Amino acid sequence: MSSSASAAPASRIRWRRGRVTATGRSWRDALELTVEVPDEGEVRALAHPSLVGVPEVGDDVLLNTTALAQNLGTGGYALVIAVPDRLPPDPETPGHLVKARYTPLQVSVQGVDEQETEHHEVIAAADDLEGMPVVVADLHSALPAVLIGMLATDPDLRVAYVMTDGGALPAAFSRTVGALKSSLAGVVTVGQAFGGDLEAVTLHTGLLAAKHVLHADLAIVTQGPGNLGTGTPWGFSGVAAGEACNAVSVLGGLPVGALRISDADPRARHRGVSHHSLTAFGRVALGGVTLIAPRGLGSELGAQVDEDLASQPERNPVVWVDTEGLEEALSLSPVPLRTMGRGYPEERAYFLAAAAAGRYAALEVPLPEGAAEDEAGVRLAAGDGTGT
């Protein structure tokens, strides 16, 4: 056998061994650490205790520093792969739904759609979202703003977050989700994403679980933290937003598109309405999606948005939504509003668009039978027009 045939393939992981010198913040299923790596100094690391146990000061840990070394990945962490001298006990939880399948850190969870779960019969019988509005966004950073728009419009609504697997896979990686926990009816992780209050095999069963298990009035669908983009027309993880709209349509829900709008992004393809939104909603969402633009953008940006959306197919109606009170609500956000390294109000248009999508969806929640006559008068009107 030749040496070339027996040579090991090039490593895809940048492995490091280090020692924990300090522990930091913790939230949900995440723990920040400071780790001393020989010849490289201290690095900021993140452990998910449900995967690797709880590292303590003095523990040796194995780290994956691949993305950290390339300055990639939300948060800038080395990731703890194992605490080799103190392995956690074997799992005792039921479930045979394996996520991150056939990777070194594959995990078994109990899916809401499994036969052994208490919810299986509900999911097996459910086939319709019964008109539930679902706001779809391509970036995780839209999540808090969409939720703010919903609850600023009607604080009594039950909202579920359905997290797809285009970004981070562990729901626990998101500090935003941890901070919003008390405002959400629950988190459903679908596909290869894991760690939600409920797990589902597909986005379809995840949406049905949001409606029929969490009894949500509304749902928000977006990927976890992080976003992969290549500067090519189709090479970005947010293209799945269009597929999410198709799932909502097939299940009899109301897909609502949260547009990515910016006048602060230095990249031309993301100014006005981002090409990500135009592609995902305009070319992938074949079942149609209502696209929400916020009033109050100002004449120049509003005209640009109007122009960008003029070529959308007929199946995608554009609705300009009143934003009165939304900016004040955004300024009181319980979590920092940041996207692509920029915060609010620098990215005012982006967060206002997300909140407007939340408001529109809240206004479209089917009223309880017999309540329309009493409540219709207090609902705010959305309508046509421009962003001026």
Protein backbone atom coordinates (compact mmCIF):
# COMPACT_ATOMS: atom_id res chain seq x y z
CA MET A 1 0.00 0.00 0.00
CA SER A 2 1.40 3.39 -0.94
CA SER A 3 1.99 6.03 1.71
CA SER A 4 -0.47 8.36 -0.01
CA ALA A 5 -3.24 5.76 0.29
CA SER A 6 -2.67 5.29 4.03
CA ALA A 7 -2.14 8.93 4.95
CA ALA A 8 -4.69 10.45 7.29
CA PRO A 9 -6.91 13.14 5.73
CA ALA A 10 -6.27 16.74 6.68
CA SER A 11 -7.90 17.74 9.95
CA ARG A 12 -11.07 19.82 9.76
CA ILE A 13 -10.88 20.79 13.44
CA ARG A 14 -8.29 22.95 15.17
CA TRP A 15 -7.81 21.02 18.43
CA ARG A 16 -6.35 22.53 21.58
CA ARG A 17 -6.00 21.36 25.17
CA GLY A 18 -6.16 23.90 27.98
CA ARG A 19 -6.90 24.38 31.66
CA VAL A 20 -9.88 26.27 33.04
CA THR A 21 -8.71 29.31 35.03
CA ALA A 22 -12.07 31.02 35.61
CA THR A 23 -15.79 30.61 35.06
CA GLY A 24 -18.03 33.43 33.89
CA ARG A 25 -21.62 34.05 32.90
CA SER A 26 -24.08 31.21 32.58
CA TRP A 27 -27.49 31.05 30.93
CA ARG A 28 -29.86 28.27 29.94
CA ASP A 29 -27.45 25.42 29.02
CA ALA A 30 -24.30 27.47 28.49
CA LEU A 31 -21.32 28.40 30.66
CA GLU A 32 -18.55 30.87 29.80
CA LEU A 33 -15.01 29.94 30.77
CA THR A 34 -11.52 31.35 30.62
CA VAL A 35 -9.07 28.69 29.47
CA GLU A 36 -5.27 28.89 29.47
CA VAL A 37 -3.90 27.26 26.32
CA PRO A 38 -0.17 26.49 26.33
CA ASP A 39 1.85 28.83 24.06
CA GLU A 40 -1.32 30.75 23.11
CA GLY A 41 -2.47 32.32 26.36
CA GLU A 42 -6.01 32.73 27.63
CA VAL A 43 -9.03 32.23 25.40
CA ARG A 44 -12.71 32.75 26.03
CA ALA A 45 -14.51 29.41 25.81
CA LEU A 46 -18.07 28.15 25.99
CA ALA A 47 -19.32 24.85 27.36
CA HIS A 48 -22.78 23.33 27.02
CA PRO A 49 -23.14 21.34 30.28
CA SER A 50 -25.77 18.97 28.86
CA LEU A 51 -23.16 17.84 26.33
CA VAL A 52 -19.86 17.88 28.23
CA GLY A 53 -20.69 18.26 31.92
CA VAL A 54 -19.86 21.30 34.05
CA PRO A 55 -16.18 22.32 33.75
CA GLU A 56 -14.62 23.71 36.90
CA VAL A 57 -11.53 25.77 37.61
CA GLY A 58 -8.51 23.47 37.33
CA ASP A 59 -10.11 21.07 34.86
CA ASP A 60 -8.28 20.20 31.68
CA VAL A 61 -10.54 20.61 28.66
CA LEU A 62 -10.37 19.79 24.97
CA LEU A 63 -11.28 22.73 22.76
CA ASN A 64 -12.34 23.30 19.18
CA THR A 65 -10.78 26.66 18.21
CA THR A 66 -11.35 26.46 14.45
CA ALA A 67 -13.86 29.29 14.05
CA LEU A 68 -12.20 31.37 16.76
CA ALA A 69 -8.87 31.31 14.90
CA GLN A 70 -10.61 32.50 11.72
CA ASN A 71 -12.57 35.21 13.54
CA LEU A 72 -15.76 33.40 12.59
CA GLY A 73 -18.83 32.60 14.63
CA THR A 74 -21.12 34.70 16.76
CA GLY A 75 -19.57 35.45 20.12
CA GLY A 76 -15.95 34.55 19.38
CA TYR A 77 -15.66 31.45 21.55
CA ALA A 78 -13.50 28.38 21.65
CA LEU A 79 -15.92 25.49 22.16
CA VAL A 80 -15.42 22.86 24.85
CA ILE A 81 -15.51 19.39 23.29
CA ALA A 82 -14.83 17.37 26.44
CA VAL A 83 -13.62 17.41 30.03
CA PRO A 84 -11.60 14.21 29.51
CA ASP A 85 -10.66 13.51 33.14
CA ARG A 86 -14.22 13.98 34.46
CA LEU A 87 -16.74 12.70 31.96
CA PRO A 88 -20.44 13.32 32.68
CA PRO A 89 -22.76 10.41 33.53
CA ASP A 90 -24.62 8.58 30.80
CA PRO A 91 -27.91 10.19 29.75
CA GLU A 92 -31.08 8.92 31.39
CA THR A 93 -33.60 10.87 29.33
CA PRO A 94 -35.77 9.01 26.81
CA GLY A 95 -35.81 9.68 23.12
CA HIS A 96 -34.12 8.37 20.02
CA LEU A 97 -34.21 11.48 17.86
CA VAL A 98 -30.51 12.07 17.13
CA LYS A 99 -29.40 15.59 16.21
CA ALA A 100 -26.06 16.71 14.79
CA ARG A 101 -26.12 13.17 13.48
CA TYR A 102 -22.85 11.30 13.03
CA THR A 103 -20.77 14.21 14.22
CA PRO A 104 -18.54 13.70 17.29
CA LEU A 105 -21.09 15.52 19.47
CA GLN A 106 -24.33 13.98 18.23
CA VAL A 107 -27.03 14.11 20.91
CA SER A 108 -30.18 12.12 21.54
CA VAL A 109 -33.36 13.99 22.44
CA GLN A 110 -37.02 13.12 22.64
CA GLY A 111 -38.90 14.53 19.69
CA VAL A 112 -42.40 15.85 20.06
CA ASP A 113 -43.28 13.69 17.05
CA GLU A 114 -41.88 10.41 18.46
CA GLN A 115 -44.24 7.54 19.28
CA GLU A 116 -43.16 7.45 22.92
CA THR A 117 -43.84 11.11 23.68
CA GLU A 118 -47.03 12.25 25.33
CA HIS A 119 -47.61 14.61 22.39
CA HIS A 120 -47.36 12.04 19.60
CA GLU A 121 -51.10 11.59 19.15
CA VAL A 122 -51.64 15.34 18.99
CA ILE A 123 -48.95 15.79 16.36
CA ALA A 124 -50.08 12.73 14.42
CA ALA A 125 -53.62 14.09 14.21
CA ALA A 126 -52.67 17.72 13.55
CA ASP A 127 -52.45 18.82 9.94
CA ASP A 128 -53.35 22.49 10.04
CA LEU A 129 -52.11 25.69 11.66
CA GLU A 130 -55.68 27.05 11.50
CA GLY A 131 -54.60 30.36 10.05
CA MET A 132 -51.90 31.05 12.66
CA PRO A 133 -49.68 33.94 11.53
CA VAL A 134 -45.99 33.02 11.37
CA VAL A 135 -43.32 35.68 10.99
CA VAL A 136 -40.29 34.41 9.08
CA ALA A 137 -36.93 36.19 9.24
CA ASP A 138 -33.55 35.12 7.93
CA LEU A 139 -31.42 36.49 10.80
CA HIS A 140 -31.62 35.51 14.47
CA SER A 141 -31.14 39.16 15.44
CA ALA A 142 -34.68 39.88 14.23
CA LEU A 143 -36.20 37.64 16.93
CA PRO A 144 -36.44 40.15 19.81
CA ALA A 145 -37.70 42.96 17.57
CA VAL A 146 -40.41 40.77 16.02
CA LEU A 147 -41.49 39.68 19.50
CA ILE A 148 -41.52 43.29 20.71
CA GLY A 149 -43.78 44.25 17.81
CA MET A 150 -46.17 41.43 18.64
CA LEU A 151 -46.42 42.06 22.36
CA ALA A 152 -46.50 45.86 22.01
CA THR A 153 -49.61 45.32 19.90
CA ASP A 154 -51.22 42.74 22.18
CA PRO A 155 -49.37 41.73 25.37
CA ASP A 156 -51.69 38.78 25.98
CA LEU A 157 -50.67 36.84 22.87
CA ARG A 158 -48.82 33.54 23.23
CA VAL A 159 -45.75 33.51 20.98
CA ALA A 160 -43.57 30.49 20.16
CA TYR A 161 -40.09 30.63 18.66
CA VAL A 162 -39.33 27.88 16.15
CA MET A 163 -35.56 27.73 15.66
CA THR A 164 -34.18 26.28 12.44
CA ASP A 165 -30.68 24.91 11.91
CA GLY A 166 -29.13 27.42 9.50
CA GLY A 167 -27.00 29.00 12.23
CA ALA A 168 -26.01 27.76 15.68
CA LEU A 169 -27.44 24.34 16.46
CA PRO A 170 -27.74 24.55 20.28
CA ALA A 171 -30.59 26.84 21.31
CA ALA A 172 -28.60 27.43 24.49
CA PHE A 173 -25.97 29.32 22.49
CA SER A 174 -28.42 32.22 22.20
CA ARG A 175 -28.34 34.59 25.17
CA THR A 176 -31.29 36.32 23.51
CA VAL A 177 -33.47 33.22 23.81
CA GLY A 178 -32.50 32.89 27.48
CA ALA A 179 -33.40 36.51 28.20
CA LEU A 180 -36.74 36.27 26.35
CA LYS A 181 -37.82 33.02 28.01
CA SER A 182 -40.48 34.64 30.20
CA SER A 183 -42.03 36.33 27.15
CA LEU A 184 -42.25 33.18 25.02
CA ALA A 185 -44.74 30.33 25.21
CA GLY A 186 -41.79 28.09 24.38
CA VAL A 187 -38.94 27.32 22.00
CA VAL A 188 -39.12 24.50 19.44
CA THR A 189 -35.84 23.37 17.86
CA VAL A 190 -36.19 21.65 14.49
CA GLY A 191 -33.98 19.83 12.02
CA GLN A 192 -30.46 19.51 13.43
CA ALA A 193 -31.01 22.32 15.99
CA PHE A 194 -31.52 21.12 19.55
CA GLY A 195 -32.09 22.28 23.11
CA GLY A 196 -35.53 23.85 22.85
CA ASP A 197 -38.43 23.24 25.19
CA LEU A 198 -39.68 20.90 22.47
CA GLU A 199 -37.72 19.05 19.78
CA ALA A 200 -39.05 18.21 16.34
CA VAL A 201 -37.79 16.32 13.31
CA THR A 202 -38.89 18.91 10.76
CA LEU A 203 -40.02 22.51 10.59
CA HIS A 204 -43.49 21.22 9.73
CA THR A 205 -43.90 19.24 12.95
CA GLY A 206 -42.20 22.06 14.84
CA LEU A 207 -44.85 24.51 13.63
CA LEU A 208 -47.62 22.08 14.49
CA ALA A 209 -46.12 21.66 17.95
CA ALA A 210 -46.07 25.43 18.42
CA LYS A 211 -49.75 25.61 17.58
CA HIS A 212 -51.17 22.44 19.13
CA VAL A 213 -48.79 21.67 22.01
CA LEU A 214 -47.65 25.14 23.11
CA HIS A 215 -51.04 26.60 22.10
CA ALA A 216 -49.33 29.60 20.53
CA ASP A 217 -51.31 32.36 18.84
CA LEU A 218 -48.26 33.31 16.79
CA ALA A 219 -44.89 31.87 15.86
CA ILE A 220 -41.56 33.32 14.84
CA VAL A 221 -39.28 31.25 12.59
CA THR A 222 -35.62 32.05 12.12
CA GLN A 223 -32.26 30.34 12.33
CA GLY A 224 -30.14 30.30 15.46
CA PRO A 225 -27.35 32.84 16.03
CA GLY A 226 -24.91 33.19 13.17
CA ASN A 227 -25.47 33.42 9.45
CA LEU A 228 -23.50 31.95 6.57
CA GLY A 229 -23.15 34.12 3.50
CA THR A 230 -20.79 33.91 0.54
CA GLY A 231 -21.58 36.99 -1.51
CA THR A 232 -23.23 34.80 -4.15
CA PRO A 233 -26.92 34.96 -5.14
CA TRP A 234 -27.84 31.60 -3.59
CA GLY A 235 -25.03 30.85 -1.14
CA PHE A 236 -26.48 32.07 2.15
CA SER A 237 -28.19 30.19 4.95
CA GLY A 238 -31.11 32.63 4.99
CA VAL A 239 -32.42 31.19 1.72
CA ALA A 240 -34.20 28.71 4.02
CA ALA A 241 -36.55 31.55 5.02
CA GLY A 242 -38.34 30.97 1.71
CA GLU A 243 -38.66 27.26 2.43
CA ALA A 244 -40.06 28.13 5.87
CA CYS A 245 -42.77 30.21 4.19
CA ASN A 246 -43.64 27.23 2.02
CA ALA A 247 -44.03 25.05 5.12
CA VAL A 248 -46.35 27.62 6.71
CA SER A 249 -48.44 27.80 3.53
CA VAL A 250 -48.73 24.02 3.18
CA LEU A 251 -49.94 23.79 6.78
CA GLY A 252 -52.60 26.45 6.41
CA GLY A 253 -50.83 29.23 8.29
CA LEU A 254 -50.27 32.84 7.30
CA PRO A 255 -46.63 33.46 6.30
CA VAL A 256 -45.41 36.98 7.10
CA GLY A 257 -42.01 38.13 5.87
CA ALA A 258 -39.78 40.28 8.08
CA LEU A 259 -37.74 42.20 5.54
CA ARG A 260 -34.05 42.86 6.03
CA ILE A 261 -33.86 46.62 5.43
CA SER A 262 -30.83 48.81 6.04
CA ASP A 263 -29.33 52.17 5.23
CA ALA A 264 -26.31 51.47 7.48
CA ASP A 265 -24.84 48.33 5.91
CA PRO A 266 -21.75 49.23 3.84
CA ARG A 267 -22.46 46.44 1.35
CA ALA A 268 -24.59 47.56 -1.59
CA ARG A 269 -26.40 44.21 -1.82
CA HIS A 270 -27.83 44.70 1.67
CA ARG A 271 -28.87 48.36 1.39
CA GLY A 272 -32.54 49.13 0.95
CA VAL A 273 -34.14 45.69 0.95
CA SER A 274 -31.37 43.08 1.17
CA HIS A 275 -30.99 40.68 -1.74
CA HIS A 276 -31.37 37.94 0.90
CA SER A 277 -35.00 38.97 1.47
CA LEU A 278 -35.68 39.53 -2.22
CA THR A 279 -34.33 36.08 -3.10
CA ALA A 280 -35.74 34.02 -0.24
CA PHE A 281 -39.21 35.55 -0.33
CA GLY A 282 -39.42 36.45 -4.02
CA ARG A 283 -37.94 33.32 -5.60
CA VAL A 284 -38.15 30.51 -3.03
CA ALA A 285 -41.46 31.15 -1.22
CA LEU A 286 -43.64 29.76 -3.99
CA GLY A 287 -46.76 29.65 -1.82
CA GLY A 288 -46.65 33.41 -1.32
CA VAL A 289 -45.81 35.55 1.71
CA THR A 290 -47.08 38.90 2.94
CA LEU A 291 -44.11 41.29 3.01
CA ILE A 292 -44.17 43.97 5.68
CA ALA A 293 -42.55 47.37 5.27
CA PRO A 294 -42.56 49.90 8.12
CA ARG A 295 -43.90 53.39 7.71
CA GLY A 296 -41.68 56.21 8.95
CA LEU A 297 -38.46 55.24 7.17
CA GLY A 298 -38.02 58.67 5.67
CA SER A 299 -38.48 59.69 2.05
CA GLU A 300 -35.17 58.44 0.63
CA LEU A 301 -35.07 54.99 2.24
CA GLY A 302 -38.83 54.57 1.91
CA ALA A 303 -38.62 55.25 -1.83
CA GLN A 304 -35.74 52.77 -2.13
CA VAL A 305 -37.72 50.07 -0.33
CA ASP A 306 -40.73 50.78 -2.53
CA GLU A 307 -38.58 50.42 -5.63
CA ASP A 308 -36.89 47.23 -4.38
CA LEU A 309 -40.24 45.57 -3.69
CA ALA A 310 -41.87 46.61 -6.96
CA SER A 311 -40.59 43.50 -8.73
CA GLN A 312 -41.98 41.04 -6.19
CA PRO A 313 -44.37 38.47 -7.68
CA GLU A 314 -48.09 38.98 -7.36
CA ARG A 315 -48.29 36.22 -4.75
CA ASN A 316 -46.31 38.43 -2.34
CA PRO A 317 -48.49 41.39 -1.32
CA VAL A 318 -46.60 44.32 0.23
CA VAL A 319 -48.20 45.97 3.25
CA TRP A 320 -46.91 49.20 4.81
CA VAL A 321 -47.58 49.07 8.54
CA ASP A 322 -48.00 51.94 10.98
CA THR A 323 -45.15 52.01 13.49
CA GLU A 324 -46.50 54.38 16.12
CA GLY A 325 -45.16 53.34 19.52
CA LEU A 326 -42.79 50.70 18.14
CA GLU A 327 -39.65 52.79 18.39
CA GLU A 328 -40.29 53.45 22.07
CA ALA A 329 -40.91 49.73 22.59
CA LEU A 330 -37.67 48.87 20.79
CA SER A 331 -35.73 51.32 22.95
CA LEU A 332 -36.96 49.39 26.02
CA SER A 333 -35.87 46.01 24.67
CA PRO A 334 -34.92 43.54 27.44
CA VAL A 335 -31.94 42.40 25.32
CA PRO A 336 -29.41 44.41 23.31
CA LEU A 337 -30.57 44.87 19.73
CA ARG A 338 -27.62 44.18 17.44
CA THR A 339 -27.20 42.89 13.92
CA MET A 340 -24.03 42.50 11.89
CA GLY A 341 -22.08 44.27 14.62
CA ARG A 342 -24.36 47.31 14.63
CA GLY A 343 -26.93 48.22 17.24
CA TYR A 344 -30.16 50.13 17.56
CA PRO A 345 -30.70 52.94 16.58
CA GLU A 346 -27.86 52.70 14.02
CA GLU A 347 -29.81 49.88 12.33
CA ARG A 348 -33.15 51.56 13.08
CA ALA A 349 -34.72 50.49 9.77
CA TYR A 350 -33.84 46.83 10.24
CA PHE A 351 -35.31 46.55 13.72
CA LEU A 352 -38.31 48.71 12.87
CA ALA A 353 -39.09 46.42 9.92
CA ALA A 354 -38.91 43.36 12.18
CA ALA A 355 -41.17 44.97 14.78
CA ALA A 356 -43.64 46.02 12.08
CA ALA A 357 -43.82 42.42 10.87
CA GLY A 358 -44.57 41.39 14.45
CA ARG A 359 -47.29 44.02 14.70
CA TYR A 360 -48.93 42.95 11.45
CA ALA A 361 -48.93 39.31 12.53
CA ALA A 362 -50.46 40.22 15.88
CA LEU A 363 -53.26 42.06 14.11
CA GLU A 364 -53.94 39.00 11.95
CA VAL A 365 -54.40 36.55 14.81
CA PRO A 366 -57.85 35.02 14.39
CA LEU A 367 -60.12 36.46 17.06
CA PRO A 368 -61.98 34.09 19.37
CA GLU A 369 -65.41 33.23 18.09
CA GLY A 370 -67.83 36.01 18.92
CA ALA A 371 -65.08 38.45 19.90
CA ALA A 372 -64.59 40.19 16.56
CA GLU A 373 -67.33 42.77 17.09
CA ASP A 374 -65.99 43.79 20.49
CA GLU A 375 -62.29 43.79 19.66
CA ALA A 376 -62.09 44.88 16.03
CA GLY A 377 -62.37 48.52 17.00
CA VAL A 378 -59.18 48.50 19.07
CA ARG A 379 -57.03 46.84 16.46
CA LEU A 380 -54.67 49.15 14.60
CA ALA A 381 -54.96 49.40 10.86
CA ALA A 382 -52.26 48.35 8.43
CA GLY A 383 -52.54 49.48 4.86
CA ASP A 384 -50.95 50.46 1.60
CA GLY A 385 -48.71 53.43 1.07
CA THR A 386 -45.03 54.16 1.34
CA GLY A 387 -42.46 54.49 4.08
CA THR A 388 -42.44 58.27 4.15
